[in-house]
Protein backbone atom coordinates (compact mmCIF):
# COMPACT_ATOMS: atom_id res chain seq x y z
CA UNK A 1 27.32 14.40 72.80
CA UNK A 2 24.15 14.44 74.91
CA UNK A 3 21.43 12.15 73.55
CA UNK A 4 18.04 14.01 73.96
CA UNK A 5 15.02 12.19 75.18
CA UNK A 6 12.96 11.13 72.41
CA UNK A 7 15.71 10.85 69.81
CA UNK A 8 16.73 7.51 68.17
CA UNK A 9 20.01 7.61 69.92
CA UNK A 10 18.59 8.21 73.37
CA UNK A 11 16.40 5.02 72.83
CA UNK A 12 19.40 2.92 71.29
CA UNK A 13 22.29 4.27 73.28
CA UNK A 14 23.26 0.63 74.65
CA UNK A 15 24.63 0.00 71.09
CA UNK A 16 27.00 2.84 71.33
CA UNK A 17 27.81 3.27 74.96
CA UNK A 18 26.31 4.46 78.30
CA UNK A 19 24.38 7.57 78.93
CA UNK A 20 25.11 9.70 81.97
CA UNK A 21 22.49 12.29 83.03
CA UNK A 22 23.85 15.82 82.80
CA UNK A 23 22.55 19.28 83.22
CA UNK A 24 24.36 21.17 80.51
CA UNK A 25 25.64 20.67 77.00
CA UNK A 26 29.50 20.97 77.94
CA UNK A 27 29.34 17.78 79.96
CA UNK A 28 29.80 14.29 78.90
CA UNK A 29 26.50 12.79 78.25
CA UNK A 30 27.22 9.61 76.26
CA UNK A 31 30.23 7.67 77.00
CA UNK A 32 31.06 5.54 73.76
CA UNK A 33 32.21 1.80 74.28
CA UNK A 34 35.89 1.59 74.64
CA UNK A 35 36.45 5.14 75.96
CA UNK A 36 36.20 6.70 79.61
CA UNK A 37 34.83 10.19 80.60
CA UNK A 38 38.57 11.16 81.23
CA UNK A 39 39.33 10.30 77.58
CA UNK A 40 36.45 12.31 76.36
CA UNK A 41 37.47 15.29 78.45
CA UNK A 42 41.19 15.06 77.27
CA UNK A 43 40.11 15.05 73.58
CA UNK A 44 37.53 17.71 74.20
CA UNK A 45 40.30 20.14 75.67
CA UNK A 46 42.60 19.06 72.78
CA UNK A 47 40.05 19.96 70.26
CA UNK A 48 39.37 23.44 71.93
CA UNK A 49 43.16 24.09 71.91
CA UNK A 50 43.85 23.02 68.41
CA UNK A 51 40.89 25.10 67.01
CA UNK A 52 41.28 28.33 68.97
CA UNK A 53 45.11 28.44 68.91
CA UNK A 54 45.42 28.34 65.20
CA UNK A 55 47.45 31.54 64.04
CA UNK A 56 44.63 32.52 61.64
CA UNK A 57 41.94 32.60 64.59
CA UNK A 58 44.39 34.62 66.85
CA UNK A 59 45.37 36.98 64.00
CA UNK A 60 41.65 37.73 63.23
CA UNK A 61 40.98 38.42 66.81
CA UNK A 62 43.94 40.68 67.21
CA UNK A 63 42.92 42.59 64.03
CA UNK A 64 39.59 43.50 65.30
CA UNK A 65 40.63 43.91 68.86
CA UNK A 66 37.89 44.71 71.26
CA UNK A 67 39.36 44.69 74.69
CA UNK A 68 36.32 43.56 76.45
CA UNK A 69 35.61 40.81 73.90
CA UNK A 70 39.21 39.62 74.00
CA UNK A 71 39.29 39.49 77.80
CA UNK A 72 35.83 37.53 77.76
CA UNK A 73 37.15 35.15 74.99
CA UNK A 74 40.39 34.39 77.01
CA UNK A 75 38.37 33.70 80.10
CA UNK A 76 36.04 31.36 78.23
CA UNK A 77 38.83 29.46 76.50
CA UNK A 78 40.68 29.20 79.87
CA UNK A 79 37.52 27.96 81.72
CA UNK A 80 36.98 25.36 78.84
CA UNK A 81 40.39 24.08 78.79
CA UNK A 82 41.11 23.82 82.53
CA UNK A 83 37.92 22.35 83.67
């Protein structure tokens, strides 16, 4: 989560954790109390894997196979999971 300037969370973040300035939406912006940035990255990768490696998702992609789209999706998935 990245608290946006002007939002309630941005002004009250100290109740929930620390805010780290980031340049994009895929980076950790709010580090909740009790967690580390490494924990958040680990759980983020786990969520990506659990969502996109479901048999139904894979089957749907294979059914309407478009080679360019499939390769692009694999690259995006790999990049998200290995960063």
